Amino acid sequence: MILAGAGGSLLAGGAASAAPAPGTPTNLTPAPAQAAAPAGAPFHLNYGIHDGLFKAHAGPEFTDQIRFAYEQGFRAIEDNGMMDRPPEQQARIGDTLQQSGMAMGVFVLNFDHWPVSTSLCSGDTAWTEKFLKACRESVDVARRCHGKYITVVPGNYDHKLAMGYQTANVIDTLRRGCEILEPHGLVMVLEALSDTPELFLRHPDQTYMICEAVNSPSCKYLFDMYHMQRNEGDLIPNIDRAYKHIAYFQIGDNPGRKEPGTGEMNYRNIFKHIYEKGYKGVLGMEHGMAGTGSEGEAALIKAYREADNFI
């Protein structure tokens, strides 16, 4: 499996069939093979690339990578660092997406940067004001890049407070953020994480409950399948239980957080389930790559073709 240069298509090489072993019957009817989608055809689901994923083929400029990704069949991007980009670059990315008919996935509300020290759990007015200021700034960012979904992480536990008080503080702060976003049709998507045990938001039921309590179309759930596999597994039933509030998915195999097929997760079955539920949104490719260079990028595209071949 190789790729042509930047702007090329994914090419499949075929090997000659091996001769049957002596004594093997020759009148057997072969099992029907599932036809693979042609190189460059749109995928069944809307997988969103991130900056750097195709730099070996398309170069360091994100807009060139976006065009290359379109030619490989991808129809979306996500960009965690969008709010840190200069406004003119945000607009250039948004224009490229519009010209290509591609969707903008999530960007992160950057009222804090990783590793997070924030805690909306504490009720600290300083953190609340930082959060609300970032919500206001995100409106202009979303307009420039034609985005709608904004990743929100409430931050770390405040161990001085009981869990109920912390949860109430988070709900109250998120409601105030929704008052800013809702008139513009923007949606904060809460991401439950597995990176450290200090993070407040970690589980599907907890995220679902907070979305119910905030009770706004601007507060939904970002179901990151890598993190949920690490925290508790049972992915397909948890998707079903939380689906009412899931507005966005992210991808990454476990262990390693690389492309589908590199770990223990059966992404073909997971993608099939999500497709059959009628999901039409973006699935962000928030993961690394098992290989390197142009060969690694070709292998990544091949992995998505295989995982997406569920119909």
C-alpha atoms as a PDB file:
ATOM      1  CA  MET A   1       0.000   0.000   0.000  1.00  0.00           C
ATOM      2  CA  ILE A   2       1.595   3.250  -1.160  1.00  0.00           C
ATOM      3  CA  LEU A   3       0.576   6.816  -1.723  1.00  0.00           C
ATOM      4  CA  ALA A   4       1.399   9.073  -4.607  1.00  0.00           C
ATOM      5  CA  GLY A   5       2.941  12.424  -3.780  1.00  0.00           C
ATOM      6  CA  ALA A   6       1.002  15.293  -2.241  1.00  0.00           C
ATOM      7  CA  GLY A   7      -2.329  15.566  -3.994  1.00  0.00           C
ATOM      8  CA  GLY A   8      -2.152  11.886  -5.023  1.00  0.00           C
ATOM      9  CA  SER A   9      -4.463   9.001  -4.275  1.00  0.00           C
ATOM     10  CA  LEU A  10      -4.095   5.963  -2.102  1.00  0.00           C
ATOM     11  CA  LEU A  11      -2.915   3.109  -4.301  1.00  0.00           C
ATOM     12  CA  ALA A  12      -3.427  -0.579  -3.568  1.00  0.00           C
ATOM     13  CA  GLY A  13      -0.942  -3.115  -4.833  1.00  0.00           C
ATOM     14  CA  GLY A  14      -2.122  -6.675  -5.441  1.00  0.00           C
ATOM     15  CA  ALA A  15      -0.149  -9.888  -5.024  1.00  0.00           C
ATOM     16  CA  ALA A  16      -0.635 -12.932  -7.256  1.00  0.00           C
ATOM     17  CA  SER A  17      -2.715 -15.717  -5.779  1.00  0.00           C
ATOM     18  CA  ALA A  18      -0.760 -18.674  -4.458  1.00  0.00           C
ATOM     19  CA  ALA A  19      -1.230 -22.034  -6.208  1.00  0.00           C
ATOM     20  CA  PRO A  20      -3.397 -24.540  -4.332  1.00  0.00           C
ATOM     21  CA  ALA A  21      -1.608 -27.183  -2.328  1.00  0.00           C
ATOM     22  CA  PRO A  22      -1.540 -30.702  -3.837  1.00  0.00           C
ATOM     23  CA  GLY A  23      -4.791 -32.535  -3.182  1.00  0.00           C
ATOM     24  CA  THR A  24      -6.801 -29.342  -2.623  1.00  0.00           C
ATOM     25  CA  PRO A  25     -10.223 -29.496  -4.338  1.00  0.00           C
ATOM     26  CA  THR A  26     -10.425 -27.002  -7.203  1.00  0.00           C
ATOM     27  CA  ASN A  27     -14.216 -26.760  -7.484  1.00  0.00           C
ATOM     28  CA  LEU A  28     -14.849 -24.878  -4.238  1.00  0.00           C
ATOM     29  CA  THR A  29     -16.787 -21.614  -4.526  1.00  0.00           C
ATOM     30  CA  PRO A  30     -14.835 -18.858  -2.764  1.00  0.00           C
ATOM     31  CA  ALA A  31     -16.593 -16.872  -0.069  1.00  0.00           C
ATOM     32  CA  PRO A  32     -17.764 -13.476  -1.345  1.00  0.00           C
ATOM     33  CA  ALA A  33     -15.281 -10.758  -0.469  1.00  0.00           C
ATOM     34  CA  GLN A  34     -16.420  -7.423   0.884  1.00  0.00           C
ATOM     35  CA  ALA A  35     -15.500  -4.783  -1.666  1.00  0.00           C
ATOM     36  CA  ALA A  36     -13.222  -2.075  -0.350  1.00  0.00           C
ATOM     37  CA  ALA A  37     -14.079   1.535  -1.079  1.00  0.00           C
ATOM     38  CA  PRO A  38     -12.029   3.022  -3.920  1.00  0.00           C
ATOM     39  CA  ALA A  39      -9.085   5.202  -2.960  1.00  0.00           C
ATOM     40  CA  GLY A  40     -10.221   8.762  -2.366  1.00  0.00           C
ATOM     41  CA  ALA A  41     -13.909   7.918  -1.934  1.00  0.00           C
ATOM     42  CA  PRO A  42     -15.584   9.585   1.044  1.00  0.00           C
ATOM     43  CA  PHE A  43     -15.696   7.412   4.158  1.00  0.00           C
ATOM     44  CA  HIS A  44     -18.988   6.208   5.613  1.00  0.00           C
ATOM     45  CA  LEU A  45     -18.337   8.293   8.737  1.00  0.00           C
ATOM     46  CA  ASN A  46     -16.916  11.789   8.984  1.00  0.00           C
ATOM     47  CA  TYR A  47     -13.394  11.331  10.393  1.00  0.00           C
ATOM     48  CA  GLY A  48     -11.617  14.582  11.240  1.00  0.00           C
ATOM     49  CA  ILE A  49      -7.858  14.949  10.792  1.00  0.00           C
ATOM     50  CA  HIS A  50      -5.625  17.197  12.888  1.00  0.00           C
ATOM     51  CA  ASP A  51      -2.653  19.371  12.024  1.00  0.00           C
ATOM     52  CA  GLY A  52       0.536  17.424  11.312  1.00  0.00           C
ATOM     53  CA  LEU A  53      -1.098  14.129  10.440  1.00  0.00           C
ATOM     54  CA  PHE A  54      -0.232  14.362   6.727  1.00  0.00           C
ATOM     55  CA  LYS A  55       2.777  16.661   6.754  1.00  0.00           C
ATOM     56  CA  ALA A  56       5.056  14.099   5.048  1.00  0.00           C
ATOM     57  CA  HIS A  57       2.836  14.115   1.962  1.00  0.00           C
ATOM     58  CA  ALA A  58       1.401  17.625   2.017  1.00  0.00           C
ATOM     59  CA  GLY A  59       3.996  19.686   3.882  1.00  0.00           C
ATOM     60  CA  PRO A  60       3.831  21.676   7.109  1.00  0.00           C
ATOM     61  CA  GLU A  61       1.022  24.064   6.125  1.00  0.00           C
ATOM     62  CA  PHE A  62      -2.262  22.876   7.634  1.00  0.00           C
ATOM     63  CA  THR A  63      -4.371  24.117   4.727  1.00  0.00           C
ATOM     64  CA  ASP A  64      -2.309  21.977   2.328  1.00  0.00           C
ATOM     65  CA  GLN A  65      -2.833  18.981   4.602  1.00  0.00           C
ATOM     66  CA  ILE A  66      -6.570  19.687   4.574  1.00  0.00           C
ATOM     67  CA  ARG A  67      -6.653  19.609   0.772  1.00  0.00           C
ATOM     68  CA  PHE A  68      -4.615  16.414   0.714  1.00  0.00           C
ATOM     69  CA  ALA A  69      -6.939  14.814   3.282  1.00  0.00           C
ATOM     70  CA  TYR A  70      -9.937  15.688   1.117  1.00  0.00           C
ATOM     71  CA  GLU A  71      -8.370  13.847  -1.811  1.00  0.00           C
ATOM     72  CA  GLN A  72      -7.986  10.767   0.425  1.00  0.00           C
ATOM     73  CA  GLY A  73     -11.684  10.814   1.361  1.00  0.00           C
ATOM     74  CA  PHE A  74     -11.649  12.713   4.665  1.00  0.00           C
ATOM     75  CA  ARG A  75     -14.291  15.393   5.065  1.00  0.00           C
ATOM     76  CA  ALA A  76     -13.519  17.059   8.404  1.00  0.00           C
ATOM     77  CA  ILE A  77     -10.796  18.408  10.662  1.00  0.00           C
ATOM     78  CA  GLU A  78     -10.412  19.252  14.320  1.00  0.00           C
ATOM     79  CA  ASP A  79      -7.881  21.618  15.851  1.00  0.00           C
ATOM     80  CA  ASN A  80      -7.374  21.734  19.599  1.00  0.00           C
ATOM     81  CA  GLY A  81      -5.146  24.789  19.333  1.00  0.00           C
ATOM     82  CA  MET A  82      -7.374  26.896  17.075  1.00  0.00           C
ATOM     83  CA  MET A  83      -7.863  29.610  19.706  1.00  0.00           C
ATOM     84  CA  ASP A  84      -4.085  30.074  19.942  1.00  0.00           C
ATOM     85  CA  ARG A  85      -3.732  30.711  16.206  1.00  0.00           C
ATOM     86  CA  PRO A  86      -3.644  34.266  14.808  1.00  0.00           C
ATOM     87  CA  PRO A  87      -7.082  35.422  13.608  1.00  0.00           C
ATOM     88  CA  GLU A  88      -5.969  35.537   9.978  1.00  0.00           C
ATOM     89  CA  GLN A  89      -4.858  31.901  10.166  1.00  0.00           C
ATOM     90  CA  GLN A  90      -8.166  30.881  11.745  1.00  0.00           C
ATOM     91  CA  ALA A  91      -9.964  32.545   8.847  1.00  0.00           C
ATOM     92  CA  ARG A  92      -7.674  30.931   6.251  1.00  0.00           C
ATOM     93  CA  ILE A  93      -8.402  27.475   7.673  1.00  0.00           C
ATOM     94  CA  GLY A  94     -12.126  28.230   7.737  1.00  0.00           C
ATOM     95  CA  ASP A  95     -12.057  29.432   4.126  1.00  0.00           C
ATOM     96  CA  THR A  96     -10.219  26.270   3.038  1.00  0.00           C
ATOM     97  CA  LEU A  97     -12.857  24.118   4.713  1.00  0.00           C
ATOM     98  CA  GLN A  98     -15.666  26.060   3.062  1.00  0.00           C
ATOM     99  CA  GLN A  99     -14.035  25.769  -0.372  1.00  0.00           C
ATOM    100  CA  SER A 100     -13.610  22.008   0.090  1.00  0.00           C
ATOM    101  CA  GLY A 101     -17.031  21.364   1.588  1.00  0.00           C
ATOM    102  CA  MET A 102     -15.421  20.030   4.768  1.00  0.00           C
ATOM    103  CA  ALA A 103     -16.597  20.317   8.382  1.00  0.00           C
ATOM    104  CA  MET A 104     -14.809  21.969  11.262  1.00  0.00           C
ATOM    105  CA  GLY A 105     -14.785  19.757  14.340  1.00  0.00           C
ATOM    106  CA  VAL A 106     -13.839  20.779  17.854  1.00  0.00           C
ATOM    107  CA  PHE A 107     -11.403  23.332  19.092  1.00  0.00           C
ATOM    108  CA  VAL A 108     -10.462  23.618  22.765  1.00  0.00           C
ATOM    109  CA  LEU A 109     -11.665  26.461  24.971  1.00  0.00           C
ATOM    110  CA  ASN A 110      -8.269  27.742  26.030  1.00  0.00           C
ATOM    111  CA  PHE A 111      -8.988  29.288  29.400  1.00  0.00           C
ATOM    112  CA  ASP A 112      -6.240  26.941  30.616  1.00  0.00           C
ATOM    113  CA  HIS A 113      -3.530  24.910  28.869  1.00  0.00           C
ATOM    114  CA  TRP A 114      -2.311  21.377  29.381  1.00  0.00           C
ATOM    115  CA  PRO A 115      -1.434  20.170  31.977  1.00  0.00           C
ATOM    116  CA  VAL A 116      -4.470  21.888  33.442  1.00  0.00           C
ATOM    117  CA  SER A 117      -4.350  23.595  36.816  1.00  0.00           C
ATOM    118  CA  THR A 118      -7.857  24.983  36.570  1.00  0.00           C
ATOM    119  CA  SER A 119     -10.717  23.832  38.728  1.00  0.00           C
ATOM    120  CA  LEU A 120     -14.240  24.903  37.939  1.00  0.00           C
ATOM    121  CA  CYS A 121     -15.082  22.565  40.810  1.00  0.00           C
ATOM    122  CA  SER A 122     -13.810  25.040  43.374  1.00  0.00           C
ATOM    123  CA  GLY A 123     -16.217  27.876  42.670  1.00  0.00           C
ATOM    124  CA  ASP A 124     -13.210  30.216  42.566  1.00  0.00           C
ATOM    125  CA  THR A 125     -14.414  33.430  40.889  1.00  0.00           C
ATOM    126  CA  ALA A 126     -11.035  33.969  39.197  1.00  0.00           C
ATOM    127  CA  TRP A 127     -11.341  30.693  37.299  1.00  0.00           C
ATOM    128  CA  THR A 128     -14.991  31.352  36.521  1.00  0.00           C
ATOM    129  CA  GLU A 129     -14.148  34.717  34.979  1.00  0.00           C
ATOM    130  CA  LYS A 130     -11.328  33.193  32.910  1.00  0.00           C
ATOM    131  CA  PHE A 131     -13.762  30.584  31.654  1.00  0.00           C
ATOM    132  CA  LEU A 132     -16.459  33.112  30.733  1.00  0.00           C
ATOM    133  CA  LYS A 133     -13.930  35.411  29.046  1.00  0.00           C
ATOM    134  CA  ALA A 134     -12.746  32.489  26.907  1.00  0.00           C
ATOM    135  CA  CYS A 135     -16.368  31.646  26.044  1.00  0.00           C
ATOM    136  CA  ARG A 136     -16.852  35.189  24.740  1.00  0.00           C
ATOM    137  CA  GLU A 137     -13.616  35.007  22.723  1.00  0.00           C
ATOM    138  CA  SER A 138     -14.599  31.630  21.270  1.00  0.00           C
ATOM    139  CA  VAL A 139     -17.583  33.186  19.498  1.00  0.00           C
ATOM    140  CA  ASP A 140     -15.315  35.122  17.133  1.00  0.00           C
ATOM    141  CA  VAL A 141     -12.974  32.145  16.707  1.00  0.00           C
ATOM    142  CA  ALA A 142     -15.898  29.916  15.721  1.00  0.00           C
ATOM    143  CA  ARG A 143     -17.120  32.494  13.220  1.00  0.00           C
ATOM    144  CA  ARG A 144     -13.703  32.681  11.541  1.00  0.00           C
ATOM    145  CA  CYS A 145     -13.108  28.922  11.265  1.00  0.00           C
ATOM    146  CA  HIS A 146     -16.786  27.998  10.713  1.00  0.00           C
ATOM    147  CA  GLY A 147     -16.796  25.874  13.868  1.00  0.00           C
ATOM    148  CA  LYS A 148     -19.592  24.962  16.218  1.00  0.00           C
ATOM    149  CA  TYR A 149     -18.180  22.599  18.864  1.00  0.00           C
ATOM    150  CA  ILE A 150     -15.858  23.749  21.645  1.00  0.00           C
ATOM    151  CA  THR A 151     -14.138  21.274  23.963  1.00  0.00           C
ATOM    152  CA  VAL A 152     -14.468  22.075  27.664  1.00  0.00           C
ATOM    153  CA  VAL A 153     -12.595  20.336  30.486  1.00  0.00           C
ATOM    154  CA  PRO A 154     -13.731  21.396  33.988  1.00  0.00           C
ATOM    155  CA  GLY A 155     -10.271  20.656  35.384  1.00  0.00           C
ATOM    156  CA  ASN A 156      -9.111  19.080  38.616  1.00  0.00           C
ATOM    157  CA  TYR A 157     -10.821  18.123  41.851  1.00  0.00           C
ATOM    158  CA  ASP A 158     -10.908  20.542  44.751  1.00  0.00           C
ATOM    159  CA  HIS A 159     -10.271  18.112  47.599  1.00  0.00           C
ATOM    160  CA  LYS A 160     -11.363  20.671  50.181  1.00  0.00           C
ATOM    161  CA  LEU A 161     -14.982  20.264  49.013  1.00  0.00           C
ATOM    162  CA  ALA A 162     -17.361  17.328  48.996  1.00  0.00           C
ATOM    163  CA  MET A 163     -18.232  15.917  45.579  1.00  0.00           C
ATOM    164  CA  GLY A 164     -21.743  17.337  45.585  1.00  0.00           C
ATOM    165  CA  TYR A 165     -20.519  20.899  46.074  1.00  0.00           C
ATOM    166  CA  GLN A 166     -17.905  20.490  43.351  1.00  0.00           C
ATOM    167  CA  THR A 167     -20.481  19.154  40.912  1.00  0.00           C
ATOM    168  CA  ALA A 168     -22.852  22.020  41.706  1.00  0.00           C
ATOM    169  CA  ASN A 169     -20.059  24.540  41.069  1.00  0.00           C
ATOM    170  CA  VAL A 170     -19.311  22.976  37.688  1.00  0.00           C
ATOM    171  CA  ILE A 171     -22.980  22.957  36.682  1.00  0.00           C
ATOM    172  CA  ASP A 172     -23.445  26.595  37.692  1.00  0.00           C
ATOM    173  CA  THR A 173     -20.376  27.745  35.759  1.00  0.00           C
ATOM    174  CA  LEU A 174     -21.306  25.775  32.644  1.00  0.00           C
ATOM    175  CA  ARG A 175     -24.798  27.271  32.662  1.00  0.00           C
ATOM    176  CA  ARG A 176     -23.241  30.753  32.604  1.00  0.00           C
ATOM    177  CA  GLY A 177     -21.065  29.710  29.684  1.00  0.00           C
ATOM    178  CA  CYS A 178     -24.102  28.410  27.817  1.00  0.00           C
ATOM    179  CA  GLU A 179     -25.763  31.812  28.176  1.00  0.00           C
ATOM    180  CA  ILE A 180     -22.901  33.200  26.081  1.00  0.00           C
ATOM    181  CA  LEU A 181     -22.758  30.406  23.485  1.00  0.00           C
ATOM    182  CA  GLU A 182     -26.396  29.512  22.984  1.00  0.00           C
ATOM    183  CA  PRO A 183     -27.465  32.692  21.098  1.00  0.00           C
ATOM    184  CA  HIS A 184     -24.753  31.945  18.533  1.00  0.00           C
ATOM    185  CA  GLY A 185     -25.693  28.281  18.055  1.00  0.00           C
ATOM    186  CA  LEU A 186     -22.394  27.124  19.563  1.00  0.00           C
ATOM    187  CA  VAL A 187     -22.013  24.000  21.673  1.00  0.00           C
ATOM    188  CA  MET A 188     -19.550  23.257  24.454  1.00  0.00           C
ATOM    189  CA  VAL A 189     -18.775  19.546  24.498  1.00  0.00           C
ATOM    190  CA  LEU A 190     -17.599  18.207  27.849  1.00  0.00           C
ATOM    191  CA  GLU A 191     -14.699  15.784  27.566  1.00  0.00           C
ATOM    192  CA  ALA A 192     -14.246  13.097  30.189  1.00  0.00           C
ATOM    193  CA  LEU A 193     -10.545  12.178  30.407  1.00  0.00           C
ATOM    194  CA  SER A 194      -8.261   9.437  31.712  1.00  0.00           C
ATOM    195  CA  ASP A 195      -4.907  11.244  31.848  1.00  0.00           C
ATOM    196  CA  THR A 196      -4.661  11.643  35.623  1.00  0.00           C
ATOM    197  CA  PRO A 197      -6.828  10.619  38.601  1.00  0.00           C
ATOM    198  CA  GLU A 198      -6.968  14.294  39.616  1.00  0.00           C
ATOM    199  CA  LEU A 199      -9.295  15.172  36.742  1.00  0.00           C
ATOM    200  CA  PHE A 200     -12.860  15.778  37.898  1.00  0.00           C
ATOM    201  CA  LEU A 201     -14.684  14.600  34.772  1.00  0.00           C
ATOM    202  CA  ARG A 202     -13.913  10.950  34.015  1.00  0.00           C
ATOM    203  CA  HIS A 203     -17.021   8.855  33.343  1.00  0.00           C
ATOM    204  CA  PRO A 204     -19.990   8.675  30.941  1.00  0.00           C
ATOM    205  CA  ASP A 205     -22.697   8.639  33.624  1.00  0.00           C
ATOM    206  CA  GLN A 206     -21.134  11.656  35.351  1.00  0.00           C
ATOM    207  CA  THR A 207     -20.929  13.607  32.073  1.00  0.00           C
ATOM    208  CA  TYR A 208     -24.477  12.650  31.126  1.00  0.00           C
ATOM    209  CA  MET A 209     -25.781  13.789  34.512  1.00  0.00           C
ATOM    210  CA  ILE A 210     -24.060  17.185  34.201  1.00  0.00           C
ATOM    211  CA  CYS A 211     -25.496  17.707  30.704  1.00  0.00           C
ATOM    212  CA  GLU A 212     -28.954  16.883  32.067  1.00  0.00           C
ATOM    213  CA  ALA A 213     -28.510  19.344  34.913  1.00  0.00           C
ATOM    214  CA  VAL A 214     -27.176  22.193  32.773  1.00  0.00           C
ATOM    215  CA  ASN A 215     -30.163  21.563  30.488  1.00  0.00           C
ATOM    216  CA  SER A 216     -29.000  23.582  27.478  1.00  0.00           C
ATOM    217  CA  PRO A 217     -28.568  22.700  23.803  1.00  0.00           C
ATOM    218  CA  SER A 218     -25.146  24.333  24.200  1.00  0.00           C
ATOM    219  CA  CYS A 219     -23.892  21.726  26.701  1.00  0.00           C
ATOM    220  CA  LYS A 220     -23.252  18.257  25.293  1.00  0.00           C
ATOM    221  CA  TYR A 221     -20.869  15.312  25.639  1.00  0.00           C
ATOM    222  CA  LEU A 222     -17.615  14.682  23.737  1.00  0.00           C
ATOM    223  CA  PHE A 223     -17.274  10.890  23.927  1.00  0.00           C
ATOM    224  CA  ASP A 224     -13.554  10.216  23.532  1.00  0.00           C
ATOM    225  CA  MET A 225     -13.422   6.469  22.953  1.00  0.00           C
ATOM    226  CA  TYR A 226      -9.754   6.146  23.896  1.00  0.00           C
ATOM    227  CA  HIS A 227     -10.300   7.727  27.301  1.00  0.00           C
ATOM    228  CA  MET A 228     -13.521   5.810  27.937  1.00  0.00           C
ATOM    229  CA  GLN A 229     -11.827   2.508  27.086  1.00  0.00           C
ATOM    230  CA  ARG A 230      -9.101   3.266  29.624  1.00  0.00           C
ATOM    231  CA  ASN A 231     -11.499   4.393  32.344  1.00  0.00           C
ATOM    232  CA  GLU A 232     -14.126   1.676  32.155  1.00  0.00           C
ATOM    233  CA  GLY A 233     -14.585   0.047  28.732  1.00  0.00           C
ATOM    234  CA  ASP A 234     -18.046  -1.289  27.862  1.00  0.00           C
ATOM    235  CA  LEU A 235     -17.993   1.215  25.009  1.00  0.00           C
ATOM    236  CA  ILE A 236     -20.992   0.278  22.890  1.00  0.00           C
ATOM    237  CA  PRO A 237     -23.421   0.046  25.847  1.00  0.00           C
ATOM    238  CA  ASN A 238     -22.050   3.311  27.241  1.00  0.00           C
ATOM    239  CA  ILE A 239     -22.512   5.001  23.871  1.00  0.00           C
ATOM    240  CA  ASP A 240     -26.122   3.824  23.907  1.00  0.00           C
ATOM    241  CA  ARG A 241     -26.722   5.017  27.467  1.00  0.00           C
ATOM    242  CA  ALA A 242     -25.254   8.466  26.895  1.00  0.00           C
ATOM    243  CA  TYR A 243     -26.250   8.951  23.262  1.00  0.00           C
ATOM    244  CA  LYS A 244     -28.932  11.547  24.001  1.00  0.00           C
ATOM    245  CA  HIS A 245     -26.176  13.999  24.932  1.00  0.00           C
ATOM    246  CA  ILE A 246     -23.304  12.838  22.702  1.00  0.00           C
ATOM    247  CA  ALA A 247     -22.567  15.506  20.077  1.00  0.00           C
ATOM    248  CA  TYR A 248     -19.039  14.476  19.134  1.00  0.00           C
ATOM    249  CA  PHE A 249     -16.741  11.439  19.181  1.00  0.00           C
ATOM    250  CA  GLN A 250     -12.963  11.165  19.280  1.00  0.00           C
ATOM    251  CA  ILE A 251     -10.845   8.199  18.245  1.00  0.00           C
ATOM    252  CA  GLY A 252      -7.670   6.540  19.500  1.00  0.00           C
ATOM    253  CA  ASP A 253      -6.783   2.896  20.004  1.00  0.00           C
ATOM    254  CA  ASN A 254      -5.622   1.587  23.369  1.00  0.00           C
ATOM    255  CA  PRO A 255      -2.879   1.062  24.406  1.00  0.00           C
ATOM    256  CA  GLY A 256      -0.752   3.650  22.643  1.00  0.00           C
ATOM    257  CA  ARG A 257      -3.381   6.134  21.413  1.00  0.00           C
ATOM    258  CA  LYS A 258      -2.631   5.478  17.756  1.00  0.00           C
ATOM    259  CA  GLU A 259      -4.851   4.774  14.721  1.00  0.00           C
ATOM    260  CA  PRO A 260      -7.508   2.018  14.695  1.00  0.00           C
ATOM    261  CA  GLY A 261      -6.079  -1.468  14.451  1.00  0.00           C
ATOM    262  CA  THR A 262      -3.011  -0.792  16.569  1.00  0.00           C
ATOM    263  CA  GLY A 263      -4.517  -1.816  19.905  1.00  0.00           C
ATOM    264  CA  GLU A 264      -7.275  -3.797  21.566  1.00  0.00           C
ATOM    265  CA  MET A 265     -10.336  -1.863  20.389  1.00  0.00           C
ATOM    266  CA  ASN A 266     -12.554  -3.269  17.619  1.00  0.00           C
ATOM    267  CA  TYR A 267     -13.136  -0.015  15.802  1.00  0.00           C
ATOM    268  CA  ARG A 268     -14.866  -1.614  12.819  1.00  0.00           C
ATOM    269  CA  ASN A 269     -17.652  -2.817  15.109  1.00  0.00           C
ATOM    270  CA  ILE A 270     -17.707   0.463  17.053  1.00  0.00           C
ATOM    271  CA  PHE A 271     -17.898   2.552  13.859  1.00  0.00           C
ATOM    272  CA  LYS A 272     -20.635   0.274  12.487  1.00  0.00           C
ATOM    273  CA  HIS A 273     -22.655   0.780  15.665  1.00  0.00           C
ATOM    274  CA  ILE A 274     -22.259   4.557  15.552  1.00  0.00           C
ATOM    275  CA  TYR A 275     -23.205   4.601  11.856  1.00  0.00           C
ATOM    276  CA  GLU A 276     -26.309   2.484  12.476  1.00  0.00           C
ATOM    277  CA  LYS A 277     -27.413   4.896  15.193  1.00  0.00           C
ATOM    278  CA  GLY A 278     -27.566   7.560  12.481  1.00  0.00           C
ATOM    279  CA  TYR A 279     -24.709   9.710  13.743  1.00  0.00           C
ATOM    280  CA  LYS A 280     -23.816  12.400  11.178  1.00  0.00           C
ATOM    281  CA  GLY A 281     -21.252  14.434  13.094  1.00  0.00           C
ATOM    282  CA  VAL A 282     -17.463  14.462  13.184  1.00  0.00           C
ATOM    283  CA  LEU A 283     -15.291  11.754  14.747  1.00  0.00           C
ATOM    284  CA  GLY A 284     -12.038  13.467  15.602  1.00  0.00           C
ATOM    285  CA  MET A 285      -8.786  11.602  14.956  1.00  0.00           C
ATOM    286  CA  GLU A 286      -7.199  12.719  18.230  1.00  0.00           C
ATOM    287  CA  HIS A 287      -4.355  10.222  18.187  1.00  0.00           C
ATOM    288  CA  GLY A 288      -0.808   9.686  17.023  1.00  0.00           C
ATOM    289  CA  MET A 289       0.493   7.460  14.273  1.00  0.00           C
ATOM    290  CA  ALA A 290       2.120   4.047  14.669  1.00  0.00           C
ATOM    291  CA  GLY A 291       4.499   4.567  11.750  1.00  0.00           C
ATOM    292  CA  THR A 292       6.555   7.510  10.581  1.00  0.00           C
ATOM    293  CA  GLY A 293       6.866   9.602   7.457  1.00  0.00           C
ATOM    294  CA  SER A 294       4.958   8.948   4.256  1.00  0.00           C
ATOM    295  CA  GLU A 295       4.794   5.191   4.912  1.00  0.00           C
ATOM    296  CA  GLY A 296       3.226   5.775   8.315  1.00  0.00           C
ATOM    297  CA  GLU A 297       0.684   8.150   6.803  1.00  0.00           C
ATOM    298  CA  ALA A 298      -0.208   5.616   4.089  1.00  0.00           C
ATOM    299  CA  ALA A 299      -0.639   2.932   6.758  1.00  0.00           C
ATOM    300  CA  LEU A 300      -2.896   5.249   8.753  1.00  0.00           C
ATOM    301  CA  ILE A 301      -5.163   5.846   5.754  1.00  0.00           C
ATOM    302  CA  LYS A 302      -5.245   2.106   5.068  1.00  0.00           C
ATOM    303  CA  ALA A 303      -6.205   1.490   8.710  1.00  0.00           C
ATOM    304  CA  TYR A 304      -9.152   3.872   8.379  1.00  0.00           C
ATOM    305  CA  ARG A 305     -10.248   2.237   5.134  1.00  0.00           C
ATOM    306  CA  GLU A 306     -10.245  -1.137   6.866  1.00  0.00           C
ATOM    307  CA  ALA A 307     -12.069   0.075   9.991  1.00  0.00           C
ATOM    308  CA  ASP A 308     -14.599   1.956   7.868  1.00  0.00           C
ATOM    309  CA  ASN A 309     -15.346  -1.108   5.726  1.00  0.00           C
ATOM    310  CA  PHE A 310     -18.348  -2.204   7.811  1.00  0.00           C
ATOM    311  CA  ILE A 311     -21.176  -2.081   5.266  1.00  0.00           C
END
